[in-house]
Amino acid sequence: RSEGDGPFGATKLNKLLFFSDFLAYRKFGKSITGHPYQKLNKGPAPRALVPIREQLEAEEAIALAERDYHGYPQKRVLALREADLSRFSSDEIALVTALIEEYWGRTATQLSDLSHEFRGWQLAEYGEDIPYELMLVEFKKESQEDLEIDKALREELLELKAQCS
């Protein structure tokens, strides 16, 4: 569905998957893919994305094309077959379709910046899983002091956990 979206590439796909899965968790009580997401510098990404992409390439279901997008290299995922939507509920399809439409024309950088506003990404350490359950928690807008306290408490917890192991 994103084939005609100029800014659509691998990074934007990561962000659309993230928003779809985490919003589905909030709305339906479960994610769409069931895959864990990890914190990376440019935002959350599914841990299994590369192996799944490689499997789909081997099955010739998709191809990766590199192209120039406004002076930047873009890896674009191209579908080589029709999507099999039979595994998805109509609510899941509607959610993903709405997100694709909402973010149509937005760049990967814009979506990455938006994903950085998610508290779960902010609290996770680089490479750490981001818990879906954080979609059910409402956070107040915190000051820099609050964030520093959170970080100090997190470090203390990790030290205690290490001592107990």
C-alpha atoms as a PDB file:
ATOM      1  CA  ARG A   1       0.000   0.000   0.000  1.00  0.00           C
ATOM      2  CA  SER A   2       2.970   2.330   0.451  1.00  0.00           C
ATOM      3  CA  GLU A   3       4.437   1.758  -3.003  1.00  0.00           C
ATOM      4  CA  GLY A   4       3.394   5.201  -4.274  1.00  0.00           C
ATOM      5  CA  ASP A   5       4.578   7.038  -1.151  1.00  0.00           C
ATOM      6  CA  GLY A   6       7.806   8.808  -2.169  1.00  0.00           C
ATOM      7  CA  PRO A   7       9.434   8.840   1.279  1.00  0.00           C
ATOM      8  CA  PHE A   8       8.623   5.151   1.913  1.00  0.00           C
ATOM      9  CA  GLY A   9      11.751   3.128   2.611  1.00  0.00           C
ATOM     10  CA  ALA A  10      13.089   0.614   5.125  1.00  0.00           C
ATOM     11  CA  THR A  11      13.244   3.086   8.016  1.00  0.00           C
ATOM     12  CA  LYS A  12       9.704   4.315   7.422  1.00  0.00           C
ATOM     13  CA  LEU A  13       8.559   0.689   7.269  1.00  0.00           C
ATOM     14  CA  ASN A  14      10.145   0.121  10.719  1.00  0.00           C
ATOM     15  CA  LYS A  15       8.241   3.071  12.135  1.00  0.00           C
ATOM     16  CA  LEU A  16       4.918   2.062  10.549  1.00  0.00           C
ATOM     17  CA  LEU A  17       5.340  -1.422  12.002  1.00  0.00           C
ATOM     18  CA  PHE A  18       6.132   0.056  15.412  1.00  0.00           C
ATOM     19  CA  PHE A  19       3.140   2.413  15.447  1.00  0.00           C
ATOM     20  CA  SER A  20       0.849  -0.361  14.170  1.00  0.00           C
ATOM     21  CA  ASP A  21       1.964  -2.919  16.732  1.00  0.00           C
ATOM     22  CA  PHE A  22       1.969  -0.608  19.739  1.00  0.00           C
ATOM     23  CA  LEU A  23      -1.345   1.068  18.885  1.00  0.00           C
ATOM     24  CA  ALA A  24      -2.884  -2.366  18.281  1.00  0.00           C
ATOM     25  CA  TYR A  25      -1.686  -3.394  21.731  1.00  0.00           C
ATOM     26  CA  ARG A  26      -3.423  -0.371  23.257  1.00  0.00           C
ATOM     27  CA  LYS A  27      -6.634  -0.793  21.228  1.00  0.00           C
ATOM     28  CA  PHE A  28      -6.959  -4.592  21.020  1.00  0.00           C
ATOM     29  CA  GLY A  29      -4.862  -5.898  23.921  1.00  0.00           C
ATOM     30  CA  LYS A  30      -2.288  -7.536  21.630  1.00  0.00           C
ATOM     31  CA  SER A  31       0.161  -6.450  18.989  1.00  0.00           C
ATOM     32  CA  ILE A  32      -0.300  -7.404  15.365  1.00  0.00           C
ATOM     33  CA  THR A  33       3.032  -9.143  14.814  1.00  0.00           C
ATOM     34  CA  GLY A  34       3.805 -10.276  18.368  1.00  0.00           C
ATOM     35  CA  HIS A  35       7.463  -9.406  17.770  1.00  0.00           C
ATOM     36  CA  PRO A  36       9.574  -7.526  20.317  1.00  0.00           C
ATOM     37  CA  TYR A  37      10.931  -4.089  19.445  1.00  0.00           C
ATOM     38  CA  GLN A  38      14.309  -2.779  20.487  1.00  0.00           C
ATOM     39  CA  LYS A  39      15.607   0.719  21.051  1.00  0.00           C
ATOM     40  CA  LEU A  40      17.915   1.882  18.277  1.00  0.00           C
ATOM     41  CA  ASN A  41      19.336   5.354  17.682  1.00  0.00           C
ATOM     42  CA  LYS A  42      16.766   6.210  15.024  1.00  0.00           C
ATOM     43  CA  GLY A  43      13.892   4.859  17.094  1.00  0.00           C
ATOM     44  CA  PRO A  44      12.300   1.502  17.788  1.00  0.00           C
ATOM     45  CA  ALA A  45      12.691  -1.375  15.338  1.00  0.00           C
ATOM     46  CA  PRO A  46      11.458  -4.963  15.349  1.00  0.00           C
ATOM     47  CA  ARG A  47      14.216  -7.374  16.412  1.00  0.00           C
ATOM     48  CA  ALA A  48      13.224  -9.898  13.743  1.00  0.00           C
ATOM     49  CA  LEU A  49      12.985  -7.413  10.878  1.00  0.00           C
ATOM     50  CA  VAL A  50      16.228  -8.348   9.105  1.00  0.00           C
ATOM     51  CA  PRO A  51      15.749 -12.150   9.257  1.00  0.00           C
ATOM     52  CA  ILE A  52      12.114 -11.823   8.121  1.00  0.00           C
ATOM     53  CA  ARG A  53      13.098  -9.460   5.309  1.00  0.00           C
ATOM     54  CA  GLU A  54      15.841 -11.865   4.199  1.00  0.00           C
ATOM     55  CA  GLN A  55      13.361 -14.769   4.258  1.00  0.00           C
ATOM     56  CA  LEU A  56      10.869 -12.796   2.149  1.00  0.00           C
ATOM     57  CA  GLU A  57      13.645 -11.910  -0.297  1.00  0.00           C
ATOM     58  CA  ALA A  58      14.689 -15.594  -0.544  1.00  0.00           C
ATOM     59  CA  GLU A  59      11.046 -16.530  -1.231  1.00  0.00           C
ATOM     60  CA  GLU A  60      10.985 -13.788  -3.897  1.00  0.00           C
ATOM     61  CA  ALA A  61       8.026 -12.169  -2.150  1.00  0.00           C
ATOM     62  CA  ILE A  62       9.867  -8.828  -1.921  1.00  0.00           C
ATOM     63  CA  ALA A  63      12.905  -7.117  -3.383  1.00  0.00           C
ATOM     64  CA  LEU A  64      15.043  -4.336  -1.943  1.00  0.00           C
ATOM     65  CA  ALA A  65      15.848  -1.458  -4.232  1.00  0.00           C
ATOM     66  CA  GLU A  66      18.290   1.304  -3.401  1.00  0.00           C
ATOM     67  CA  ARG A  67      17.573   4.723  -4.789  1.00  0.00           C
ATOM     68  CA  ASP A  68      18.441   8.342  -4.220  1.00  0.00           C
ATOM     69  CA  TYR A  69      15.829  10.268  -2.262  1.00  0.00           C
ATOM     70  CA  HIS A  70      16.651  13.991  -2.151  1.00  0.00           C
ATOM     71  CA  GLY A  71      20.369  13.286  -1.976  1.00  0.00           C
ATOM     72  CA  TYR A  72      20.118  10.452   0.560  1.00  0.00           C
ATOM     73  CA  PRO A  73      20.269   6.712  -0.103  1.00  0.00           C
ATOM     74  CA  GLN A  74      16.929   5.010   0.470  1.00  0.00           C
ATOM     75  CA  LYS A  75      16.340   1.259   0.736  1.00  0.00           C
ATOM     76  CA  ARG A  76      12.889   0.618  -0.625  1.00  0.00           C
ATOM     77  CA  VAL A  77      10.970  -2.621  -0.055  1.00  0.00           C
ATOM     78  CA  LEU A  78       9.079  -3.668  -3.195  1.00  0.00           C
ATOM     79  CA  ALA A  79       6.297  -6.260  -3.067  1.00  0.00           C
ATOM     80  CA  LEU A  80       6.652  -8.930  -5.759  1.00  0.00           C
ATOM     81  CA  ARG A  81       3.340 -10.623  -4.922  1.00  0.00           C
ATOM     82  CA  GLU A  82      -0.051  -9.726  -3.523  1.00  0.00           C
ATOM     83  CA  ALA A  83      -0.230  -9.464   0.258  1.00  0.00           C
ATOM     84  CA  ASP A  84      -1.882 -12.343   2.116  1.00  0.00           C
ATOM     85  CA  LEU A  85      -4.193 -10.526   4.529  1.00  0.00           C
ATOM     86  CA  SER A  86      -6.001 -13.677   5.705  1.00  0.00           C
ATOM     87  CA  ARG A  87      -3.999 -13.769   8.966  1.00  0.00           C
ATOM     88  CA  PHE A  88      -5.148 -10.313  10.001  1.00  0.00           C
ATOM     89  CA  SER A  89      -8.427  -9.143  11.490  1.00  0.00           C
ATOM     90  CA  SER A  90     -10.407  -6.402   9.793  1.00  0.00           C
ATOM     91  CA  ASP A  91      -9.603  -4.134  12.780  1.00  0.00           C
ATOM     92  CA  GLU A  92      -5.862  -4.737  12.329  1.00  0.00           C
ATOM     93  CA  ILE A  93      -6.066  -4.025   8.592  1.00  0.00           C
ATOM     94  CA  ALA A  94      -8.073  -0.858   9.254  1.00  0.00           C
ATOM     95  CA  LEU A  95      -5.524   0.325  11.838  1.00  0.00           C
ATOM     96  CA  VAL A  96      -2.546  -0.213   9.517  1.00  0.00           C
ATOM     97  CA  THR A  97      -4.374   1.399   6.593  1.00  0.00           C
ATOM     98  CA  ALA A  98      -5.233   4.447   8.722  1.00  0.00           C
ATOM     99  CA  LEU A  99      -1.592   4.827   9.811  1.00  0.00           C
ATOM    100  CA  ILE A 100      -0.316   4.514   6.234  1.00  0.00           C
ATOM    101  CA  GLU A 101      -2.768   7.230   5.179  1.00  0.00           C
ATOM    102  CA  GLU A 102      -1.990   9.458   8.177  1.00  0.00           C
ATOM    103  CA  TYR A 103       1.759   9.311   7.590  1.00  0.00           C
ATOM    104  CA  TRP A 104       1.635   9.333   3.774  1.00  0.00           C
ATOM    105  CA  GLY A 105       4.231  11.773   2.468  1.00  0.00           C
ATOM    106  CA  ARG A 106       6.038  12.075   5.792  1.00  0.00           C
ATOM    107  CA  THR A 107       9.712  11.222   5.814  1.00  0.00           C
ATOM    108  CA  ALA A 108      11.448   8.527   7.817  1.00  0.00           C
ATOM    109  CA  THR A 109      13.123  11.284   9.848  1.00  0.00           C
ATOM    110  CA  GLN A 110       9.747  12.776  10.753  1.00  0.00           C
ATOM    111  CA  LEU A 111       8.445   9.374  11.879  1.00  0.00           C
ATOM    112  CA  SER A 112      11.675   8.614  13.744  1.00  0.00           C
ATOM    113  CA  ASP A 113      11.352  11.923  15.599  1.00  0.00           C
ATOM    114  CA  LEU A 114       7.748  11.062  16.439  1.00  0.00           C
ATOM    115  CA  SER A 115       8.755   7.620  17.729  1.00  0.00           C
ATOM    116  CA  HIS A 116      11.303   9.300  20.025  1.00  0.00           C
ATOM    117  CA  GLU A 117       8.399  10.950  21.836  1.00  0.00           C
ATOM    118  CA  PHE A 118       7.202   7.529  23.031  1.00  0.00           C
ATOM    119  CA  ARG A 119       8.123   7.160  26.685  1.00  0.00           C
ATOM    120  CA  GLY A 120       8.967   3.482  26.254  1.00  0.00           C
ATOM    121  CA  TRP A 121      11.689   4.359  23.747  1.00  0.00           C
ATOM    122  CA  GLN A 122      12.978   7.125  26.024  1.00  0.00           C
ATOM    123  CA  LEU A 123      13.257   4.829  29.045  1.00  0.00           C
ATOM    124  CA  ALA A 124      14.865   1.881  27.271  1.00  0.00           C
ATOM    125  CA  GLU A 125      18.606   1.486  26.939  1.00  0.00           C
ATOM    126  CA  TYR A 126      20.120   1.070  23.468  1.00  0.00           C
ATOM    127  CA  GLY A 127      19.391  -2.471  22.230  1.00  0.00           C
ATOM    128  CA  GLU A 128      16.905  -3.187  25.033  1.00  0.00           C
ATOM    129  CA  ASP A 129      13.350  -4.417  24.373  1.00  0.00           C
ATOM    130  CA  ILE A 130      10.564  -1.841  24.673  1.00  0.00           C
ATOM    131  CA  PRO A 131       7.651  -3.322  26.655  1.00  0.00           C
ATOM    132  CA  TYR A 132       4.275  -3.185  24.910  1.00  0.00           C
ATOM    133  CA  GLU A 133       2.653  -2.678  28.320  1.00  0.00           C
ATOM    134  CA  LEU A 134       3.914   0.901  28.411  1.00  0.00           C
ATOM    135  CA  MET A 135       1.162   1.738  25.908  1.00  0.00           C
ATOM    136  CA  LEU A 136      -1.298   1.284  28.777  1.00  0.00           C
ATOM    137  CA  VAL A 137       0.450   3.771  31.083  1.00  0.00           C
ATOM    138  CA  GLU A 138      -0.250   7.486  30.981  1.00  0.00           C
ATOM    139  CA  PHE A 139       2.819   9.584  31.660  1.00  0.00           C
ATOM    140  CA  LYS A 140       2.809  13.194  32.718  1.00  0.00           C
ATOM    141  CA  LYS A 141       5.078  15.602  30.897  1.00  0.00           C
ATOM    142  CA  GLU A 142       8.252  15.341  32.935  1.00  0.00           C
ATOM    143  CA  SER A 143      10.904  17.913  33.594  1.00  0.00           C
ATOM    144  CA  GLN A 144      14.583  17.314  32.927  1.00  0.00           C
ATOM    145  CA  GLU A 145      15.019  16.793  36.678  1.00  0.00           C
ATOM    146  CA  ASP A 146      12.365  14.042  36.625  1.00  0.00           C
ATOM    147  CA  LEU A 147      14.143  12.341  33.734  1.00  0.00           C
ATOM    148  CA  GLU A 148      17.472  12.451  35.595  1.00  0.00           C
ATOM    149  CA  ILE A 149      15.846  10.910  38.684  1.00  0.00           C
ATOM    150  CA  ASP A 150      14.306   8.173  36.499  1.00  0.00           C
ATOM    151  CA  LYS A 151      17.712   7.433  34.992  1.00  0.00           C
ATOM    152  CA  ALA A 152      19.416   7.298  38.420  1.00  0.00           C
ATOM    153  CA  LEU A 153      16.732   4.943  39.774  1.00  0.00           C
ATOM    154  CA  ARG A 154      17.043   2.753  36.687  1.00  0.00           C
ATOM    155  CA  GLU A 155      20.829   2.530  37.148  1.00  0.00           C
ATOM    156  CA  GLU A 156      20.386   1.602  40.818  1.00  0.00           C
ATOM    157  CA  LEU A 157      17.885  -1.104  39.856  1.00  0.00           C
ATOM    158  CA  LEU A 158      20.270  -2.535  37.279  1.00  0.00           C
ATOM    159  CA  GLU A 159      23.092  -2.575  39.861  1.00  0.00           C
ATOM    160  CA  LEU A 160      20.861  -4.361  42.386  1.00  0.00           C
ATOM    161  CA  LYS A 161      19.778  -6.845  39.751  1.00  0.00           C
ATOM    162  CA  ALA A 162      23.410  -7.525  38.859  1.00  0.00           C
ATOM    163  CA  GLN A 163      24.285  -8.073  42.527  1.00  0.00           C
ATOM    164  CA  CYS A 164      21.418 -10.536  42.931  1.00  0.00           C
ATOM    165  CA  SER A 165      22.442 -12.551  39.861  1.00  0.00           C
END
